[in-house]
Amino acid sequence: FGPGDNYHLQNSHVLPAMIRKMYLAHLWEQDRMEEIRQNFIFHEGQELSDDELIKVLADIGITDNGGTIELALWGTGTPRREFLFVNDLADALLFLMQNYDGVEHVNVGMGKDSTIAEISGMIKQIVGFEGPILWNTDKPDGTPQKLLDVSKLYGLGWKPQHSFSESLGITFEHYKENTRKKA
């Protein structure tokens, strides 16, 4: 994940979708409907009414419950996931080209995982969303844990340069800047 990622709400992976949803919820908390509207222009000249916009937000799990903006995410929040910042992936690949000539595969990753609930909490803090995150347990969790064994790579002397939270912050800032340019 990282700058240049796909933030499409239907076909991106979990982190960009969560960043975008959380930011949209934050904008609604601040009554910044015009910025939200710019986020959903599908055809030039098309503009959604407030009612249409609120329906689109509800369809992606963002609702107004008596003045409190709530965000619903899939599952229980308990699955554990490992993510690697794209800049660290590029660095690891360069490192391997220069320092590894073996034939066995080498896993590239952080070597640490977090629950989806922990990750959503980090994104919430970075984005500034203040409302509650609700877990839609009618939706699937997916695999309980996805974590790579990176001991071979770390044994060669490589470690990621960015913490997970720092990577999320860089990615969010890039998303905001990209959204402004588009609007």
N, C-alpha and C. Protein backbone atom coordinates (compact mmCIF):
# COMPACT_ATOMS: atom_id res chain seq x y z
N PHE A 1 0.85 -1.19 0.00
CA PHE A 1 0.00 0.00 0.00
C PHE A 1 0.88 1.23 0.00
N GLY A 2 0.29 2.35 -0.41
CA GLY A 2 1.06 3.59 -0.39
C GLY A 2 0.56 4.58 -1.43
N PRO A 3 1.31 5.67 -1.63
CA PRO A 3 0.93 6.67 -2.62
C PRO A 3 0.69 6.02 -3.98
N GLY A 4 -0.35 6.49 -4.64
CA GLY A 4 -0.69 5.94 -5.95
C GLY A 4 -1.58 4.72 -5.88
N ASP A 5 -1.99 4.34 -4.67
CA ASP A 5 -2.83 3.16 -4.51
C ASP A 5 -4.21 3.38 -5.12
N ASN A 6 -4.96 2.32 -5.26
CA ASN A 6 -6.32 2.34 -5.78
C ASN A 6 -7.28 2.52 -4.61
N TYR A 7 -8.03 3.61 -4.60
CA TYR A 7 -8.97 3.89 -3.51
C TYR A 7 -10.42 3.63 -3.90
N HIS A 8 -10.62 2.91 -5.00
CA HIS A 8 -11.97 2.61 -5.45
C HIS A 8 -12.67 1.76 -4.39
N LEU A 9 -13.87 2.13 -4.03
CA LEU A 9 -14.56 1.47 -2.92
C LEU A 9 -15.04 0.07 -3.26
N GLN A 10 -15.07 -0.30 -4.53
CA GLN A 10 -15.53 -1.63 -4.92
C GLN A 10 -14.40 -2.60 -5.21
N ASN A 11 -13.24 -2.09 -5.62
CA ASN A 11 -12.21 -3.03 -6.05
C ASN A 11 -10.80 -2.76 -5.52
N SER A 12 -10.69 -1.93 -4.50
CA SER A 12 -9.37 -1.73 -3.88
C SER A 12 -9.19 -2.77 -2.78
N HIS A 13 -7.98 -2.84 -2.24
CA HIS A 13 -7.80 -3.71 -1.08
C HIS A 13 -8.20 -2.94 0.17
N VAL A 14 -8.14 -3.59 1.31
CA VAL A 14 -8.78 -3.09 2.53
C VAL A 14 -8.25 -1.73 3.00
N LEU A 15 -6.95 -1.51 2.99
CA LEU A 15 -6.41 -0.25 3.54
C LEU A 15 -6.87 0.99 2.77
N PRO A 16 -6.71 1.05 1.46
CA PRO A 16 -7.17 2.25 0.76
C PRO A 16 -8.67 2.49 0.92
N ALA A 17 -9.45 1.41 0.87
CA ALA A 17 -10.90 1.57 1.05
C ALA A 17 -11.22 2.11 2.44
N MET A 18 -10.52 1.59 3.45
CA MET A 18 -10.76 2.05 4.82
C MET A 18 -10.34 3.52 4.99
N ILE A 19 -9.22 3.89 4.39
CA ILE A 19 -8.77 5.29 4.46
C ILE A 19 -9.81 6.20 3.81
N ARG A 20 -10.28 5.82 2.63
CA ARG A 20 -11.25 6.67 1.93
C ARG A 20 -12.56 6.77 2.70
N LYS A 21 -13.09 5.64 3.16
CA LYS A 21 -14.35 5.66 3.91
C LYS A 21 -14.22 6.50 5.18
N MET A 22 -13.12 6.32 5.89
CA MET A 22 -12.92 7.05 7.14
C MET A 22 -12.83 8.55 6.87
N TYR A 23 -12.16 8.92 5.79
CA TYR A 23 -12.04 10.33 5.45
C TYR A 23 -13.39 10.92 5.05
N LEU A 24 -14.17 10.17 4.28
CA LEU A 24 -15.50 10.64 3.91
C LEU A 24 -16.37 10.84 5.15
N ALA A 25 -16.29 9.91 6.10
CA ALA A 25 -17.04 10.05 7.35
C ALA A 25 -16.58 11.29 8.12
N HIS A 26 -15.28 11.52 8.14
CA HIS A 26 -14.73 12.71 8.80
C HIS A 26 -15.24 13.99 8.13
N LEU A 27 -15.25 14.01 6.81
CA LEU A 27 -15.76 15.19 6.10
C LEU A 27 -17.22 15.44 6.44
N TRP A 28 -18.00 14.38 6.55
CA TRP A 28 -19.42 14.54 6.89
C TRP A 28 -19.57 15.08 8.31
N GLU A 29 -18.72 14.61 9.23
CA GLU A 29 -18.75 15.15 10.60
C GLU A 29 -18.56 16.66 10.58
N GLN A 30 -17.75 17.14 9.67
CA GLN A 30 -17.44 18.56 9.58
C GLN A 30 -18.37 19.30 8.61
N ASP A 31 -19.40 18.61 8.16
CA ASP A 31 -20.39 19.18 7.24
C ASP A 31 -19.73 19.73 5.98
N ARG A 32 -18.76 19.01 5.46
CA ARG A 32 -18.05 19.42 4.25
C ARG A 32 -18.59 18.62 3.06
N MET A 33 -19.89 18.79 2.81
CA MET A 33 -20.59 18.00 1.80
C MET A 33 -20.06 18.25 0.39
N GLU A 34 -19.61 19.46 0.12
CA GLU A 34 -19.11 19.74 -1.23
C GLU A 34 -17.86 18.91 -1.52
N GLU A 35 -16.99 18.75 -0.51
CA GLU A 35 -15.80 17.91 -0.71
C GLU A 35 -16.19 16.45 -0.90
N ILE A 36 -17.20 16.00 -0.17
CA ILE A 36 -17.68 14.63 -0.35
C ILE A 36 -18.26 14.49 -1.76
N ARG A 37 -19.04 15.46 -2.17
CA ARG A 37 -19.66 15.43 -3.50
C ARG A 37 -18.59 15.30 -4.58
N GLN A 38 -17.50 16.04 -4.46
CA GLN A 38 -16.41 15.97 -5.44
C GLN A 38 -15.81 14.56 -5.51
N ASN A 39 -15.90 13.84 -4.42
CA ASN A 39 -15.37 12.49 -4.33
C ASN A 39 -16.20 11.49 -5.11
N PHE A 40 -17.43 11.86 -5.47
CA PHE A 40 -18.34 10.94 -6.14
C PHE A 40 -18.84 11.44 -7.48
N ILE A 41 -18.06 12.26 -8.16
CA ILE A 41 -18.43 12.68 -9.51
C ILE A 41 -18.00 11.57 -10.46
N PHE A 42 -18.98 10.96 -11.11
CA PHE A 42 -18.71 9.83 -11.98
C PHE A 42 -18.64 10.26 -13.45
N HIS A 43 -19.36 11.30 -13.81
CA HIS A 43 -19.37 11.79 -15.18
C HIS A 43 -19.28 13.32 -15.13
N GLU A 44 -18.55 13.89 -16.08
CA GLU A 44 -18.42 15.34 -16.11
C GLU A 44 -19.80 15.98 -16.20
N GLY A 45 -20.02 16.97 -15.38
CA GLY A 45 -21.30 17.65 -15.36
C GLY A 45 -22.32 17.04 -14.41
N GLN A 46 -22.03 15.84 -13.93
CA GLN A 46 -22.96 15.18 -13.00
C GLN A 46 -22.70 15.70 -11.59
N GLU A 47 -23.76 16.00 -10.88
CA GLU A 47 -23.62 16.40 -9.49
C GLU A 47 -24.73 15.75 -8.69
N LEU A 48 -24.36 15.08 -7.61
CA LEU A 48 -25.33 14.41 -6.77
C LEU A 48 -25.99 15.40 -5.83
N SER A 49 -27.30 15.25 -5.63
CA SER A 49 -28.00 16.05 -4.63
C SER A 49 -27.58 15.56 -3.25
N ASP A 50 -27.89 16.33 -2.21
CA ASP A 50 -27.56 15.90 -0.85
C ASP A 50 -28.21 14.55 -0.52
N ASP A 51 -29.46 14.36 -0.92
CA ASP A 51 -30.15 13.09 -0.66
C ASP A 51 -29.47 11.92 -1.37
N GLU A 52 -29.07 12.14 -2.62
CA GLU A 52 -28.36 11.09 -3.37
C GLU A 52 -27.01 10.79 -2.72
N LEU A 53 -26.35 11.83 -2.28
CA LEU A 53 -25.05 11.68 -1.64
C LEU A 53 -25.16 10.89 -0.34
N ILE A 54 -26.17 11.21 0.46
CA ILE A 54 -26.38 10.50 1.73
C ILE A 54 -26.69 9.03 1.46
N LYS A 55 -27.41 8.73 0.38
CA LYS A 55 -27.69 7.33 0.02
C LYS A 55 -26.40 6.61 -0.37
N VAL A 56 -25.56 7.27 -1.16
CA VAL A 56 -24.28 6.67 -1.56
C VAL A 56 -23.43 6.39 -0.31
N LEU A 57 -23.39 7.34 0.61
CA LEU A 57 -22.63 7.15 1.84
C LEU A 57 -23.18 5.97 2.65
N ALA A 58 -24.50 5.88 2.75
CA ALA A 58 -25.12 4.77 3.48
C ALA A 58 -24.78 3.44 2.82
N ASP A 59 -24.74 3.42 1.50
CA ASP A 59 -24.40 2.19 0.77
C ASP A 59 -22.99 1.70 1.08
N ILE A 60 -22.11 2.60 1.46
CA ILE A 60 -20.74 2.19 1.80
C ILE A 60 -20.51 2.14 3.31
N GLY A 61 -21.59 2.25 4.09
CA GLY A 61 -21.48 2.05 5.53
C GLY A 61 -21.30 3.30 6.36
N ILE A 62 -21.55 4.47 5.80
CA ILE A 62 -21.41 5.72 6.55
C ILE A 62 -22.82 6.30 6.74
N THR A 63 -23.24 6.42 7.99
CA THR A 63 -24.60 6.88 8.28
C THR A 63 -24.60 7.93 9.38
N ASP A 64 -25.69 8.70 9.41
CA ASP A 64 -25.91 9.70 10.44
C ASP A 64 -26.95 9.13 11.40
N ASN A 65 -26.53 8.89 12.63
CA ASN A 65 -27.43 8.35 13.66
C ASN A 65 -27.69 9.45 14.67
N GLY A 66 -28.69 10.28 14.39
CA GLY A 66 -29.05 11.35 15.32
C GLY A 66 -27.97 12.38 15.52
N GLY A 67 -27.25 12.71 14.46
CA GLY A 67 -26.20 13.72 14.55
C GLY A 67 -24.81 13.14 14.78
N THR A 68 -24.72 11.85 15.00
CA THR A 68 -23.42 11.18 15.14
C THR A 68 -23.15 10.39 13.87
N ILE A 69 -22.06 10.69 13.21
CA ILE A 69 -21.69 9.97 12.00
C ILE A 69 -21.03 8.66 12.42
N GLU A 70 -21.55 7.56 11.88
CA GLU A 70 -21.04 6.23 12.21
C GLU A 70 -20.48 5.58 10.95
N LEU A 71 -19.48 4.74 11.14
CA LEU A 71 -18.87 4.01 10.03
C LEU A 71 -18.95 2.53 10.33
N ALA A 72 -19.56 1.77 9.44
CA ALA A 72 -19.64 0.32 9.58
C ALA A 72 -18.58 -0.33 8.70
N LEU A 73 -17.83 -1.25 9.30
CA LEU A 73 -16.84 -2.04 8.58
C LEU A 73 -17.22 -3.51 8.65
N TRP A 74 -16.77 -4.27 7.69
CA TRP A 74 -17.12 -5.69 7.61
C TRP A 74 -16.48 -6.52 8.71
N GLY A 75 -17.23 -7.53 9.16
CA GLY A 75 -16.70 -8.54 10.06
C GLY A 75 -16.65 -8.11 11.51
N THR A 76 -15.77 -8.77 12.24
CA THR A 76 -15.64 -8.54 13.68
C THR A 76 -14.48 -7.63 14.05
N GLY A 77 -13.57 -7.42 13.11
CA GLY A 77 -12.37 -6.62 13.40
C GLY A 77 -11.24 -7.45 13.99
N THR A 78 -11.47 -8.75 14.20
CA THR A 78 -10.46 -9.58 14.86
C THR A 78 -9.41 -10.21 13.93
N PRO A 79 -9.66 -10.37 12.63
CA PRO A 79 -8.60 -10.94 11.78
C PRO A 79 -7.34 -10.09 11.84
N ARG A 80 -6.22 -10.76 11.72
CA ARG A 80 -4.92 -10.10 11.79
C ARG A 80 -4.33 -10.01 10.38
N ARG A 81 -3.80 -8.84 10.07
CA ARG A 81 -3.22 -8.61 8.75
C ARG A 81 -1.86 -7.93 8.87
N GLU A 82 -0.99 -8.29 7.94
CA GLU A 82 0.32 -7.65 7.80
C GLU A 82 0.28 -6.84 6.51
N PHE A 83 0.76 -5.62 6.57
CA PHE A 83 0.83 -4.77 5.39
C PHE A 83 2.24 -4.21 5.27
N LEU A 84 2.66 -3.97 4.04
CA LEU A 84 3.98 -3.41 3.79
C LEU A 84 3.84 -2.18 2.90
N PHE A 85 4.47 -1.11 3.30
CA PHE A 85 4.48 0.15 2.56
C PHE A 85 5.23 -0.06 1.24
N VAL A 86 4.71 0.48 0.16
CA VAL A 86 5.27 0.27 -1.17
C VAL A 86 6.73 0.73 -1.25
N ASN A 87 7.09 1.81 -0.58
CA ASN A 87 8.48 2.27 -0.61
C ASN A 87 9.41 1.26 0.05
N ASP A 88 8.92 0.61 1.11
CA ASP A 88 9.73 -0.42 1.76
C ASP A 88 9.83 -1.67 0.88
N LEU A 89 8.78 -1.99 0.16
CA LEU A 89 8.85 -3.12 -0.78
C LEU A 89 9.91 -2.85 -1.84
N ALA A 90 9.89 -1.66 -2.42
CA ALA A 90 10.89 -1.31 -3.43
C ALA A 90 12.29 -1.39 -2.85
N ASP A 91 12.46 -0.89 -1.63
CA ASP A 91 13.76 -0.94 -0.97
C ASP A 91 14.21 -2.38 -0.75
N ALA A 92 13.28 -3.24 -0.32
CA ALA A 92 13.61 -4.64 -0.08
C ALA A 92 14.01 -5.35 -1.37
N LEU A 93 13.32 -5.05 -2.45
CA LEU A 93 13.66 -5.69 -3.73
C LEU A 93 15.04 -5.26 -4.21
N LEU A 94 15.35 -3.98 -4.08
CA LEU A 94 16.70 -3.51 -4.44
C LEU A 94 17.75 -4.17 -3.55
N PHE A 95 17.45 -4.25 -2.25
CA PHE A 95 18.37 -4.90 -1.31
C PHE A 95 18.62 -6.35 -1.73
N LEU A 96 17.57 -7.07 -2.08
CA LEU A 96 17.72 -8.47 -2.47
C LEU A 96 18.51 -8.61 -3.77
N MET A 97 18.29 -7.72 -4.72
CA MET A 97 19.06 -7.79 -5.98
C MET A 97 20.55 -7.61 -5.72
N GLN A 98 20.88 -6.81 -4.71
CA GLN A 98 22.28 -6.52 -4.42
C GLN A 98 22.90 -7.50 -3.43
N ASN A 99 22.07 -8.20 -2.64
CA ASN A 99 22.62 -8.98 -1.53
C ASN A 99 22.19 -10.44 -1.48
N TYR A 100 21.45 -10.91 -2.46
CA TYR A 100 20.97 -12.29 -2.40
C TYR A 100 21.04 -12.93 -3.78
N ASP A 101 21.74 -14.05 -3.86
CA ASP A 101 21.80 -14.76 -5.14
C ASP A 101 21.33 -16.21 -4.99
N GLY A 102 20.61 -16.48 -3.93
CA GLY A 102 20.07 -17.82 -3.70
C GLY A 102 18.93 -18.14 -4.64
N VAL A 103 18.51 -19.41 -4.60
CA VAL A 103 17.41 -19.85 -5.46
C VAL A 103 16.10 -20.00 -4.70
N GLU A 104 16.16 -20.03 -3.39
CA GLU A 104 14.94 -20.15 -2.59
C GLU A 104 14.24 -18.79 -2.52
N HIS A 105 12.92 -18.86 -2.39
CA HIS A 105 12.17 -17.61 -2.29
C HIS A 105 12.48 -16.91 -0.96
N VAL A 106 12.27 -15.61 -0.95
CA VAL A 106 12.45 -14.80 0.26
C VAL A 106 11.16 -14.00 0.45
N ASN A 107 10.53 -14.18 1.59
CA ASN A 107 9.33 -13.40 1.89
C ASN A 107 9.71 -11.96 2.21
N VAL A 108 8.93 -11.03 1.70
CA VAL A 108 9.15 -9.61 1.99
C VAL A 108 7.92 -9.11 2.74
N GLY A 109 8.14 -8.58 3.93
CA GLY A 109 7.05 -8.06 4.73
C GLY A 109 7.57 -7.33 5.95
N MET A 110 6.64 -6.91 6.79
CA MET A 110 6.98 -6.22 8.04
C MET A 110 7.39 -7.22 9.12
N GLY A 111 6.80 -8.40 9.07
CA GLY A 111 7.04 -9.38 10.12
C GLY A 111 6.18 -9.13 11.35
N LYS A 112 5.22 -8.24 11.23
CA LYS A 112 4.30 -7.90 12.33
C LYS A 112 2.91 -7.77 11.73
N ASP A 113 1.91 -8.14 12.52
CA ASP A 113 0.54 -7.96 12.07
C ASP A 113 -0.26 -7.24 13.15
N SER A 114 -1.43 -6.78 12.76
CA SER A 114 -2.35 -6.09 13.67
C SER A 114 -3.76 -6.54 13.33
N THR A 115 -4.67 -6.42 14.29
CA THR A 115 -6.05 -6.74 13.98
C THR A 115 -6.64 -5.64 13.09
N ILE A 116 -7.66 -5.99 12.36
CA ILE A 116 -8.36 -5.00 11.54
C ILE A 116 -8.90 -3.88 12.44
N ALA A 117 -9.35 -4.24 13.65
CA ALA A 117 -9.84 -3.22 14.59
C ALA A 117 -8.71 -2.27 14.99
N GLU A 118 -7.52 -2.80 15.26
CA GLU A 118 -6.38 -1.94 15.61
C GLU A 118 -6.02 -1.03 14.44
N ILE A 119 -6.01 -1.60 13.25
CA ILE A 119 -5.67 -0.83 12.05
C ILE A 119 -6.70 0.28 11.83
N SER A 120 -7.99 -0.06 11.99
CA SER A 120 -9.02 0.97 11.80
C SER A 120 -8.88 2.07 12.84
N GLY A 121 -8.46 1.72 14.06
CA GLY A 121 -8.22 2.73 15.09
C GLY A 121 -7.08 3.66 14.72
N MET A 122 -6.02 3.11 14.12
CA MET A 122 -4.89 3.94 13.67
C MET A 122 -5.35 4.90 12.58
N ILE A 123 -6.09 4.37 11.61
CA ILE A 123 -6.58 5.21 10.51
C ILE A 123 -7.52 6.28 11.05
N LYS A 124 -8.38 5.91 11.97
CA LYS A 124 -9.31 6.86 12.58
C LYS A 124 -8.55 8.03 13.19
N GLN A 125 -7.49 7.73 13.91
CA GLN A 125 -6.69 8.78 14.55
C GLN A 125 -6.00 9.66 13.50
N ILE A 126 -5.41 9.04 12.48
CA ILE A 126 -4.70 9.79 11.44
C ILE A 126 -5.66 10.70 10.67
N VAL A 127 -6.84 10.18 10.34
CA VAL A 127 -7.81 10.92 9.54
C VAL A 127 -8.54 11.97 10.36
N GLY A 128 -8.71 11.72 11.65
CA GLY A 128 -9.42 12.66 12.51
C GLY A 128 -10.90 12.35 12.67
N PHE A 129 -11.33 11.17 12.25
CA PHE A 129 -12.72 10.77 12.41
C PHE A 129 -13.01 10.56 13.89
N GLU A 130 -14.13 11.12 14.37
CA GLU A 130 -14.44 11.04 15.80
C GLU A 130 -15.60 10.11 16.12
N GLY A 131 -16.34 9.68 15.12
CA GLY A 131 -17.51 8.84 15.36
C GLY A 131 -17.13 7.39 15.66
N PRO A 132 -18.15 6.60 16.01
CA PRO A 132 -17.89 5.20 16.31
C PRO A 132 -17.69 4.36 15.05
N ILE A 133 -16.89 3.32 15.20
CA ILE A 133 -16.76 2.30 14.17
C ILE A 133 -17.61 1.12 14.62
N LEU A 134 -18.54 0.73 13.76
CA LEU A 134 -19.42 -0.40 14.05
C LEU A 134 -18.95 -1.59 13.22
N TRP A 135 -19.03 -2.78 13.79
CA TRP A 135 -18.60 -3.99 13.09
C TRP A 135 -19.82 -4.75 12.60
N ASN A 136 -19.92 -4.89 11.29
CA ASN A 136 -21.04 -5.59 10.66
C ASN A 136 -20.71 -7.08 10.62
N THR A 137 -21.14 -7.79 11.65
CA THR A 137 -20.80 -9.21 11.77
C THR A 137 -21.62 -10.09 10.83
N ASP A 138 -22.54 -9.49 10.07
CA ASP A 138 -23.22 -10.25 9.02
C ASP A 138 -22.30 -10.43 7.80
N LYS A 139 -21.24 -9.66 7.75
CA LYS A 139 -20.27 -9.75 6.66
C LYS A 139 -19.09 -10.62 7.12
N PRO A 140 -18.41 -11.26 6.17
CA PRO A 140 -17.34 -12.20 6.54
C PRO A 140 -16.08 -11.51 7.04
N ASP A 141 -15.35 -12.23 7.86
CA ASP A 141 -14.05 -11.79 8.36
C ASP A 141 -12.92 -12.13 7.39
N GLY A 142 -13.02 -13.23 6.71
CA GLY A 142 -11.91 -13.71 5.90
C GLY A 142 -10.95 -14.53 6.74
N THR A 143 -9.78 -14.78 6.21
CA THR A 143 -8.77 -15.59 6.87
C THR A 143 -8.40 -14.97 8.22
N PRO A 144 -8.30 -15.79 9.28
CA PRO A 144 -8.01 -15.23 10.61
C PRO A 144 -6.68 -14.48 10.71
N GLN A 145 -5.65 -14.95 9.98
CA GLN A 145 -4.35 -14.28 10.07
C GLN A 145 -3.59 -14.42 8.76
N LYS A 146 -2.96 -13.32 8.36
CA LYS A 146 -2.06 -13.32 7.21
C LYS A 146 -0.78 -12.63 7.65
N LEU A 147 0.25 -13.44 7.87
CA LEU A 147 1.53 -12.93 8.37
C LEU A 147 2.65 -13.76 7.74
N LEU A 148 3.61 -13.09 7.15
CA LEU A 148 4.74 -13.77 6.51
C LEU A 148 5.87 -14.02 7.50
N ASP A 149 6.61 -15.10 7.26
CA ASP A 149 7.84 -15.35 7.99
C ASP A 149 8.95 -14.62 7.23
N VAL A 150 9.44 -13.53 7.80
CA VAL A 150 10.46 -12.72 7.13
C VAL A 150 11.85 -12.92 7.74
N SER A 151 12.03 -14.01 8.47
CA SER A 151 13.30 -14.22 9.17
C SER A 151 14.48 -14.30 8.20
N LYS A 152 14.29 -14.87 7.02
CA LYS A 152 15.39 -14.96 6.06
C LYS A 152 15.82 -13.56 5.61
N LEU A 153 14.86 -12.73 5.27
CA LEU A 153 15.15 -11.37 4.82
C LEU A 153 15.80 -10.55 5.93
N TYR A 154 15.25 -10.65 7.13
CA TYR A 154 15.83 -9.91 8.26
C TYR A 154 17.23 -10.43 8.58
N GLY A 155 17.42 -11.74 8.41
CA GLY A 155 18.74 -12.33 8.64
C GLY A 155 19.78 -11.83 7.66
N LEU A 156 19.34 -11.43 6.48
CA LEU A 156 20.25 -10.85 5.49
C LEU A 156 20.60 -9.40 5.82
N GLY A 157 19.85 -8.79 6.76
CA GLY A 157 20.17 -7.43 7.19
C GLY A 157 19.18 -6.36 6.77
N TRP A 158 18.06 -6.75 6.15
CA TRP A 158 17.09 -5.74 5.73
C TRP A 158 15.99 -5.60 6.77
N LYS A 159 15.56 -4.36 6.97
CA LYS A 159 14.40 -4.05 7.81
C LYS A 159 13.65 -2.90 7.14
N PRO A 160 12.33 -2.82 7.31
CA PRO A 160 11.58 -1.70 6.72
C PRO A 160 12.03 -0.37 7.32
N GLN A 161 12.00 0.66 6.51
CA GLN A 161 12.42 1.99 6.96
C GLN A 161 11.27 2.79 7.57
N HIS A 162 10.04 2.37 7.31
CA HIS A 162 8.87 3.12 7.77
C HIS A 162 8.05 2.28 8.74
N SER A 163 7.61 2.89 9.82
CA SER A 163 6.67 2.19 10.71
C SER A 163 5.33 2.10 9.99
N PHE A 164 4.49 1.19 10.47
CA PHE A 164 3.17 1.04 9.86
C PHE A 164 2.36 2.33 9.98
N SER A 165 2.36 2.95 11.16
CA SER A 165 1.57 4.18 11.34
C SER A 165 2.12 5.32 10.48
N GLU A 166 3.44 5.42 10.37
CA GLU A 166 4.03 6.44 9.50
C GLU A 166 3.61 6.22 8.04
N SER A 167 3.61 4.97 7.61
CA SER A 167 3.20 4.63 6.25
C SER A 167 1.74 4.99 5.99
N LEU A 168 0.89 4.73 6.98
CA LEU A 168 -0.52 5.11 6.86
C LEU A 168 -0.67 6.62 6.71
N GLY A 169 0.09 7.37 7.51
CA GLY A 169 0.04 8.84 7.44
C GLY A 169 0.47 9.37 6.08
N ILE A 170 1.55 8.84 5.55
CA ILE A 170 2.04 9.26 4.23
C ILE A 170 1.00 8.94 3.17
N THR A 171 0.42 7.76 3.26
CA THR A 171 -0.59 7.34 2.29
C THR A 171 -1.83 8.23 2.36
N PHE A 172 -2.27 8.54 3.57
CA PHE A 172 -3.44 9.40 3.73
C PHE A 172 -3.18 10.80 3.17
N GLU A 173 -2.03 11.37 3.47
CA GLU A 173 -1.71 12.71 2.95
C GLU A 173 -1.69 12.70 1.42
N HIS A 174 -1.14 11.65 0.84
CA HIS A 174 -1.12 11.53 -0.62
C HIS A 174 -2.55 11.43 -1.16
N TYR A 175 -3.39 10.65 -0.49
CA TYR A 175 -4.79 10.52 -0.92
C TYR A 175 -5.49 11.88 -0.88
N LYS A 176 -5.33 12.61 0.22
CA LYS A 176 -5.98 13.93 0.33
C LYS A 176 -5.51 14.86 -0.78
N GLU A 177 -4.22 14.91 -1.00
CA GLU A 177 -3.66 15.81 -2.02
C GLU A 177 -4.18 15.42 -3.40
N ASN A 178 -4.23 14.14 -3.68
CA ASN A 178 -4.72 13.65 -4.96
C ASN A 178 -6.20 13.98 -5.14
N THR A 179 -6.97 13.87 -4.07
CA THR A 179 -8.40 14.17 -4.12
C THR A 179 -8.62 15.65 -4.40
N ARG A 180 -7.82 16.52 -3.78
CA ARG A 180 -7.94 17.96 -4.01
C ARG A 180 -7.65 18.32 -5.46
N LYS A 181 -6.63 17.69 -6.04
CA LYS A 181 -6.26 17.99 -7.42
C LYS A 181 -7.37 17.59 -8.38
N LYS A 182 -8.07 16.51 -8.03
CA LYS A 182 -9.13 16.00 -8.88
C LYS A 182 -10.37 16.89 -8.81
N ALA A 183 -10.62 17.47 -7.63
CA ALA A 183 -11.85 18.23 -7.41
C ALA A 183 -11.84 19.57 -8.12
